[in-house]
Amino acid sequence: MKIAIASDHGGVELKKNIINFLQNQNLEVADMSPVNDGLDDYPNFAEIVVKELAEKRADWGILICGTGIGISIAANRHKGIRAAILYDNFTAESAKVHNNANIVVFGGRTMTAEQAIERLKIFMNSRYEGGRHEQRLCKLDK
C-alpha cells in the first residue's frame, strides 16, 4: 500500500510526524512536497496528491495545511476525490465508513501530532460500509 502525502508550510512539522508514524507501520509513503518550510501554495500540493491517486501511483493520500480547510477545498474540486478533514475521532471513522474518503486532511495549526495520529489510526482501521452510502457517493461526481 502506498500513501501520497503533501503539505504547505503550515503543515511541515505535522507531516514529518505522520510520515514517521506510517513508516513505523511498514507502509510506503511518498512525500510530494518540499523539504523546506518556505511559503508555498496549498492548491499546488493538493493537485500533486490528486494526480498520484488518479494515475494509480498511490492508494490514498494525506494533505496538510494550516487549518486543513483550503487544501481540502482544492482537492475536492477534482472528480473522484473525497477529501475529509479528520477534526475529531468521530469524523475520522465516518470519513471512511460513510464517505469512503480517499484523502485525509489535517490542520497543522489546529491539532497536535498525537491527535492527528490517533485520528489516522481510526481512519485506517475503519472499513467502508457501502450500501446506502454508495448512491450518495455516486452523486458527487455528476
Protein backbone atom coordinates (compact mmCIF):
# COMPACT_ATOMS: atom_id res chain seq x y z
CA MET A 1 0.00 0.00 0.00
CA LYS A 2 1.35 3.40 -0.99
CA ILE A 3 0.29 6.68 0.57
CA ALA A 4 0.98 10.05 -1.07
CA ILE A 5 1.39 12.92 1.39
CA ALA A 6 1.94 16.64 0.94
CA SER A 7 1.75 19.83 2.96
CA ASP A 8 2.26 23.51 2.58
CA HIS A 9 4.35 25.48 5.06
CA GLY A 10 1.57 25.30 7.68
CA GLY A 11 1.85 21.53 7.94
CA VAL A 12 5.53 20.67 7.60
CA GLU A 13 6.08 19.61 11.22
CA LEU A 14 2.87 17.60 11.41
CA LYS A 15 3.74 15.93 8.09
CA LYS A 16 7.10 14.78 9.49
CA ASN A 17 5.38 13.17 12.48
CA ILE A 18 2.78 11.45 10.31
CA ILE A 19 5.41 10.12 7.90
CA ASN A 20 7.37 8.73 10.82
CA PHE A 21 4.26 7.01 12.18
CA LEU A 22 3.35 5.49 8.79
CA GLN A 23 6.87 4.27 8.12
CA ASN A 24 6.90 2.62 11.55
CA GLN A 25 3.77 0.76 10.38
CA ASN A 26 5.81 -0.53 7.39
CA LEU A 27 3.75 1.50 4.93
CA GLU A 28 5.22 3.06 1.80
CA VAL A 29 4.97 6.85 1.92
CA ALA A 30 5.69 9.23 -0.95
CA ASP A 31 6.33 12.78 0.27
CA MET A 32 5.18 15.01 -2.57
CA SER A 33 6.04 18.38 -1.02
CA PRO A 34 9.27 20.28 -0.46
CA VAL A 35 11.53 19.65 2.48
CA ASN A 36 11.83 23.29 3.48
CA ASP A 37 9.11 25.28 5.20
CA GLY A 38 9.15 28.34 2.94
CA LEU A 39 5.94 29.92 1.72
CA ASP A 40 4.10 27.90 -0.87
CA ASP A 41 0.59 27.45 -2.23
CA TYR A 42 -1.58 24.61 -0.91
CA PRO A 43 -3.56 24.15 -4.17
CA ASN A 44 -0.32 23.03 -5.86
CA PHE A 45 0.19 20.24 -3.32
CA ALA A 46 -3.43 19.14 -3.42
CA GLU A 47 -3.09 18.84 -7.20
CA ILE A 48 0.05 16.70 -6.90
CA VAL A 49 -1.55 14.22 -4.48
CA VAL A 50 -4.77 14.08 -6.52
CA LYS A 51 -2.70 13.27 -9.62
CA GLU A 52 -0.93 10.44 -7.75
CA LEU A 53 -4.32 8.90 -6.94
CA ALA A 54 -5.80 9.50 -10.40
CA GLU A 55 -2.81 7.84 -12.06
CA LYS A 56 -2.92 4.99 -9.52
CA ARG A 57 0.58 5.62 -8.21
CA ALA A 58 -0.86 5.84 -4.68
CA ASP A 59 -3.71 4.04 -2.94
CA TRP A 60 -4.78 7.04 -0.87
CA GLY A 61 -3.48 10.39 0.27
CA ILE A 62 -2.88 12.76 3.13
CA LEU A 63 -2.91 16.56 2.83
CA ILE A 64 -1.97 19.13 5.45
CA CYS A 65 -2.18 22.92 5.54
CA GLY A 66 -2.61 25.34 8.43
CA THR A 67 -6.27 24.51 9.07
CA GLY A 68 -6.91 21.73 6.56
CA ILE A 69 -9.72 23.78 5.03
CA GLY A 70 -8.02 25.31 1.99
CA ILE A 71 -6.20 22.18 0.92
CA SER A 72 -9.36 20.05 1.27
CA ILE A 73 -11.32 22.51 -0.87
CA ALA A 74 -8.58 22.36 -3.51
CA ALA A 75 -8.56 18.54 -3.52
CA ASN A 76 -12.34 18.14 -3.59
CA ARG A 77 -12.60 20.13 -6.81
CA HIS A 78 -11.39 17.01 -8.65
CA LYS A 79 -13.61 14.21 -9.87
CA GLY A 80 -13.32 11.04 -7.83
CA ILE A 81 -11.71 12.73 -4.86
CA ARG A 82 -13.27 12.58 -1.42
CA ALA A 83 -11.00 14.54 0.90
CA ALA A 84 -12.14 14.74 4.52
CA ILE A 85 -10.76 16.80 7.39
CA LEU A 86 -10.37 14.50 10.39
CA TYR A 87 -11.09 17.05 13.10
CA ASP A 88 -12.16 14.56 15.75
CA ASN A 89 -12.39 10.80 16.30
CA PHE A 90 -15.98 10.50 15.10
CA THR A 91 -15.22 12.19 11.78
CA ALA A 92 -12.11 10.02 11.42
CA GLU A 93 -14.30 6.91 11.47
CA SER A 94 -17.16 8.41 9.45
CA ALA A 95 -14.83 9.64 6.72
CA LYS A 96 -14.10 6.01 5.88
CA VAL A 97 -17.27 4.18 6.96
CA HIS A 98 -19.77 6.57 5.32
CA ASN A 99 -17.79 8.60 2.79
CA ASN A 100 -15.03 6.22 1.69
CA ALA A 101 -12.60 9.14 1.75
CA ASN A 102 -9.50 8.62 -0.36
CA ILE A 103 -7.64 11.63 1.05
CA VAL A 104 -7.50 12.54 4.71
CA VAL A 105 -6.74 16.11 5.71
CA PHE A 106 -5.22 17.63 8.83
CA GLY A 107 -4.59 21.13 10.11
CA GLY A 108 -1.01 21.74 11.14
CA ARG A 109 -2.07 24.69 13.28
CA THR A 110 -5.30 23.24 14.64
CA MET A 111 -4.27 19.85 16.04
CA THR A 112 -1.32 18.16 17.66
CA ALA A 113 0.64 15.32 16.11
CA GLU A 114 -0.82 12.99 18.74
CA GLN A 115 -4.38 13.97 17.80
CA ALA A 116 -3.71 13.60 14.08
CA ILE A 117 -2.08 10.19 14.50
CA GLU A 118 -4.92 8.96 16.74
CA ARG A 119 -7.43 10.00 14.07
CA LEU A 120 -5.31 8.46 11.33
CA LYS A 121 -5.29 5.13 13.19
CA ILE A 122 -9.08 5.23 13.50
CA PHE A 123 -9.44 6.00 9.79
CA MET A 124 -7.02 3.25 8.78
CA ASN A 125 -8.80 0.65 10.94
CA SER A 126 -12.26 1.53 9.63
CA ARG A 127 -13.95 -0.04 6.61
CA TYR A 128 -16.35 1.48 4.10
CA GLU A 129 -19.91 0.21 4.64
CA GLY A 130 -21.14 0.71 1.08
CA GLY A 131 -24.86 0.08 0.75
CA ARG A 132 -26.93 3.23 1.27
CA HIS A 133 -23.76 5.33 1.19
CA GLU A 134 -22.82 4.24 -2.32
CA GLN A 135 -25.76 6.01 -4.02
CA ARG A 136 -24.77 9.23 -2.27
CA LEU A 137 -21.13 8.97 -3.31
CA CYS A 138 -22.16 8.39 -6.93
CA LYS A 139 -23.92 11.77 -6.91
CA LEU A 140 -20.71 13.60 -6.03
CA ASP A 141 -19.09 13.23 -9.44
CA LYS A 142 -22.05 14.24 -11.61
